[in-house]
Amino acid sequence: MINHPTMRLLVMAVGPALLTTACSDSGAPLDPNAEPTVLLSVVPEGGATNVDRFAPIVIEFDHELMEGMQAFALLHEGEVTGPEVDGSWALGADRRTLVFTPTAPLSPNATYTIHLGGAMKDANGRDVNLQEHGDHMGGTWASPGMMGAGPQGGGTMGGAMNGEHTGTGWGHATNGSYGMVFSFTTGS
C-alpha cells in the first residue's frame, strides 16, 4: 500500500495512462473516440470470374488491425465449408492489409471462397465493420446454416467445419454470423 500522499496522487494520475498504454497493441494509448475500422476492399471481389490464378488475395482496411488478425482469414476450395487452400496470410507492415499467398497456383476454372472472421478486431480492440462495403463487394454473411453449425456452434453437415471456424474469433458480436465470405472463380 502506498502511504505517502504525493506518491498516491502520482499513482492515481499516471496509473490509468500506463495501464492503457501497456494494454494497447502498438504501445500507443487506445483512442476511445476512434471510429471502428472498416473493410475497404477485397481482391478479388465476391462474384468475380476469370480471376488470375497466380495473383495474391488482398484485403484492405481503413485503419490498423490488431496483431494476429490474419488468423481469422481463410481461403477455401469451393464453398466456405470446403478445405482450406495451402498458403499463408500475412498482415502488412501498415497493419491495414491482409495478403494471402498460396503455396501453389490456384486450380483453373475453380471456385474459391475467402472467409473473414466476424470478430476481427482493429488496433483499438473494436470489431471490424465488414458490412459497410462488404455487401457491395459481393460479400455474404456466413450464417450458421452455411457453416453447418448447430446451436452450440459445432459443425454438422457431416462435420464439414467441426466447429473449427465457428468458435471464438469467428462469431460476429451482433448478427450471429461467422463473418463474411466472398466467392470467386478462377480463369483457365
Protein backbone atom coordinates (compact mmCIF):
# COMPACT_ATOMS: atom_id res chain seq x y z
CA MET A 1 0.00 0.00 0.00
CA ILE A 2 1.26 3.47 -0.87
CA ASN A 3 1.07 5.74 2.18
CA HIS A 4 2.87 8.85 1.02
CA PRO A 5 0.24 11.38 -0.23
CA THR A 6 2.36 12.63 -3.16
CA MET A 7 3.10 9.09 -4.37
CA ARG A 8 -0.55 8.10 -4.02
CA LEU A 9 -1.57 11.12 -6.13
CA LEU A 10 1.09 10.30 -8.74
CA VAL A 11 -0.09 6.68 -8.99
CA MET A 12 -3.71 7.81 -9.30
CA ALA A 13 -2.83 10.32 -12.03
CA VAL A 14 -0.37 8.27 -14.07
CA GLY A 15 -1.56 4.71 -13.38
CA PRO A 16 -4.52 4.65 -15.79
CA ALA A 17 -2.41 6.07 -18.63
CA LEU A 18 0.28 3.47 -18.03
CA LEU A 19 -2.29 0.69 -17.94
CA THR A 20 -3.89 1.86 -21.18
CA THR A 21 -0.51 2.08 -22.89
CA ALA A 22 0.60 -1.29 -21.57
CA CYS A 23 -2.60 -2.96 -22.78
CA SER A 24 -2.64 -1.45 -26.25
CA ASP A 25 -1.30 -3.38 -29.18
CA SER A 26 1.03 -0.75 -30.60
CA GLY A 27 2.26 0.89 -27.42
CA ALA A 28 0.17 3.99 -28.14
CA PRO A 29 -2.82 4.74 -25.91
CA LEU A 30 -6.12 3.48 -27.25
CA ASP A 31 -8.34 6.17 -28.71
CA PRO A 32 -11.79 5.83 -27.12
CA ASN A 33 -13.25 8.16 -29.76
CA ALA A 34 -11.85 6.34 -32.80
CA GLU A 35 -14.31 5.07 -35.37
CA PRO A 36 -14.27 1.30 -35.86
CA THR A 37 -12.16 0.03 -38.72
CA VAL A 38 -13.99 -0.60 -41.98
CA LEU A 39 -13.28 -3.20 -44.67
CA LEU A 40 -12.33 -1.18 -47.77
CA SER A 41 -11.57 -3.72 -50.48
CA VAL A 42 -11.41 -7.41 -51.27
CA VAL A 43 -9.45 -8.51 -54.34
CA PRO A 44 -10.90 -10.48 -55.93
CA GLU A 45 -14.41 -9.40 -55.04
CA GLY A 46 -17.17 -11.88 -54.43
CA GLY A 47 -18.72 -12.98 -57.71
CA ALA A 48 -15.57 -12.22 -59.73
CA THR A 49 -14.86 -14.58 -62.62
CA ASN A 50 -11.76 -15.35 -64.65
CA VAL A 51 -9.57 -14.41 -61.66
CA ASP A 52 -5.82 -14.69 -62.20
CA ARG A 53 -4.72 -18.00 -60.62
CA PHE A 54 -1.29 -16.59 -59.79
CA ALA A 55 -2.37 -13.31 -58.16
CA PRO A 56 -2.39 -12.88 -54.37
CA ILE A 57 -5.62 -12.31 -52.45
CA VAL A 58 -5.56 -8.79 -50.95
CA ILE A 59 -7.89 -7.45 -48.24
CA GLU A 60 -7.63 -3.78 -47.22
CA PHE A 61 -8.99 -1.88 -44.21
CA ASP A 62 -9.14 1.84 -43.46
CA HIS A 63 -7.35 1.58 -40.09
CA GLU A 64 -4.86 -0.74 -38.43
CA LEU A 65 -5.87 -4.23 -37.36
CA MET A 66 -4.92 -5.82 -34.08
CA GLU A 67 -1.87 -8.07 -34.36
CA GLY A 68 -2.75 -11.66 -35.19
CA MET A 69 -5.97 -10.97 -37.11
CA GLN A 70 -4.60 -12.87 -40.11
CA ALA A 71 -5.61 -15.98 -38.14
CA PHE A 72 -9.25 -15.05 -38.90
CA ALA A 73 -8.86 -15.03 -42.68
CA LEU A 74 -9.08 -18.18 -44.79
CA LEU A 75 -9.27 -19.21 -48.41
CA HIS A 76 -11.41 -22.30 -49.04
CA GLU A 77 -11.68 -24.52 -52.10
CA GLY A 78 -15.29 -24.34 -53.26
CA GLU A 79 -17.74 -23.24 -50.59
CA VAL A 80 -16.91 -21.89 -47.13
CA THR A 81 -17.11 -25.44 -45.75
CA GLY A 82 -14.56 -26.68 -48.29
CA PRO A 83 -10.95 -27.47 -47.46
CA GLU A 84 -8.53 -24.65 -46.75
CA VAL A 85 -6.12 -23.72 -49.51
CA ASP A 86 -2.48 -24.21 -48.52
CA GLY A 87 -0.66 -20.92 -48.23
CA SER A 88 -0.12 -18.09 -45.80
CA TRP A 89 -1.94 -14.95 -44.75
CA ALA A 90 0.27 -12.03 -43.76
CA LEU A 91 -0.63 -8.78 -42.03
CA GLY A 92 1.16 -5.97 -43.88
CA ALA A 93 3.63 -3.67 -42.15
CA ASP A 94 0.93 -0.98 -42.20
CA ARG A 95 -1.41 -3.43 -40.40
CA ARG A 96 -4.16 -2.32 -42.80
CA THR A 97 -3.64 -5.04 -45.40
CA LEU A 98 -4.02 -8.82 -45.31
CA VAL A 99 -2.39 -10.72 -48.17
CA PHE A 100 -2.83 -14.41 -48.94
CA THR A 101 -0.16 -16.14 -50.95
CA PRO A 102 -0.99 -19.73 -51.92
CA THR A 103 1.81 -22.29 -51.87
CA ALA A 104 0.82 -23.33 -55.42
CA PRO A 105 -1.21 -21.61 -58.13
CA LEU A 106 -4.95 -21.89 -57.71
CA SER A 107 -6.67 -24.50 -59.86
CA PRO A 108 -8.05 -23.35 -63.22
CA ASN A 109 -11.79 -22.74 -63.62
CA ALA A 110 -12.41 -23.42 -59.93
CA THR A 111 -14.49 -21.72 -57.25
CA TYR A 112 -12.82 -20.40 -54.10
CA THR A 113 -14.23 -18.64 -51.05
CA ILE A 114 -12.49 -16.02 -48.92
CA HIS A 115 -13.69 -16.18 -45.30
CA LEU A 116 -13.14 -13.25 -42.91
CA GLY A 117 -14.00 -13.97 -39.26
CA GLY A 118 -16.80 -11.92 -37.75
CA ALA A 119 -14.90 -10.97 -34.63
CA MET A 120 -11.84 -9.44 -36.30
CA LYS A 121 -10.57 -6.56 -34.17
CA ASP A 122 -8.90 -3.29 -35.00
CA ALA A 123 -5.92 -1.82 -33.15
CA ASN A 124 -8.34 -0.20 -30.68
CA GLY A 125 -9.95 -3.55 -29.86
CA ARG A 126 -13.18 -2.77 -31.70
CA ASP A 127 -14.95 -5.16 -34.08
CA VAL A 128 -14.06 -4.50 -37.71
CA ASN A 129 -17.04 -3.31 -39.77
CA LEU A 130 -17.25 -5.83 -42.61
CA GLN A 131 -20.72 -4.86 -43.80
CA GLU A 132 -20.37 -1.19 -44.75
CA HIS A 133 -18.57 -2.04 -48.00
CA GLY A 134 -18.51 -5.86 -47.90
CA ASP A 135 -22.04 -6.18 -49.28
CA HIS A 136 -21.04 -4.02 -52.26
CA MET A 137 -18.03 -6.24 -52.96
CA GLY A 138 -20.07 -9.43 -53.27
CA GLY A 139 -19.75 -10.39 -49.62
CA THR A 140 -22.32 -12.51 -47.81
CA TRP A 141 -22.61 -13.13 -44.09
CA ALA A 142 -21.55 -16.68 -43.20
CA SER A 143 -24.71 -17.86 -41.46
CA PRO A 144 -24.71 -20.80 -39.06
CA GLY A 145 -26.58 -22.76 -41.75
CA MET A 146 -23.88 -22.06 -44.34
CA MET A 147 -21.22 -23.14 -41.87
CA GLY A 148 -23.05 -26.29 -40.91
CA ALA A 149 -23.10 -25.05 -37.32
CA GLY A 150 -25.67 -26.21 -34.85
CA PRO A 151 -26.98 -24.11 -31.99
CA GLN A 152 -23.80 -24.69 -29.98
CA GLY A 153 -21.53 -23.52 -32.81
CA GLY A 154 -20.22 -27.00 -33.58
CA GLY A 155 -20.07 -28.39 -37.07
CA THR A 156 -22.80 -30.51 -38.58
CA MET A 157 -23.24 -31.28 -42.28
CA GLY A 158 -21.13 -34.39 -41.88
CA GLY A 159 -18.63 -32.49 -39.75
CA ALA A 160 -17.61 -30.19 -42.59
CA MET A 161 -16.36 -27.50 -40.25
CA ASN A 162 -16.10 -29.46 -36.99
CA GLY A 163 -16.57 -26.18 -35.13
CA GLU A 164 -13.05 -25.20 -36.20
CA HIS A 165 -14.04 -21.90 -37.83
CA THR A 166 -17.19 -21.28 -35.87
CA GLY A 167 -15.66 -20.79 -32.44
CA THR A 168 -14.01 -17.91 -30.64
CA GLY A 169 -12.94 -15.16 -33.01
CA TRP A 170 -15.18 -16.27 -35.83
CA GLY A 171 -18.58 -15.24 -34.46
CA HIS A 172 -19.89 -11.75 -35.14
CA ALA A 173 -20.80 -9.88 -31.96
CA THR A 174 -24.30 -8.86 -33.01
CA ASN A 175 -25.65 -10.66 -36.07
CA GLY A 176 -24.97 -14.32 -35.23
CA SER A 177 -22.86 -14.92 -38.35
CA TYR A 178 -19.38 -16.38 -38.60
CA GLY A 179 -18.02 -13.47 -40.58
CA MET A 180 -18.28 -12.64 -44.24
CA VAL A 181 -17.49 -14.74 -47.30
CA PHE A 182 -16.54 -13.75 -50.84
CA SER A 183 -16.66 -16.45 -53.53
CA PHE A 184 -14.92 -16.14 -56.90
CA THR A 185 -13.97 -18.31 -59.86
CA THR A 186 -10.53 -18.57 -61.42
CA GLY A 187 -9.75 -18.43 -65.12
CA SER A 188 -8.01 -21.11 -67.14
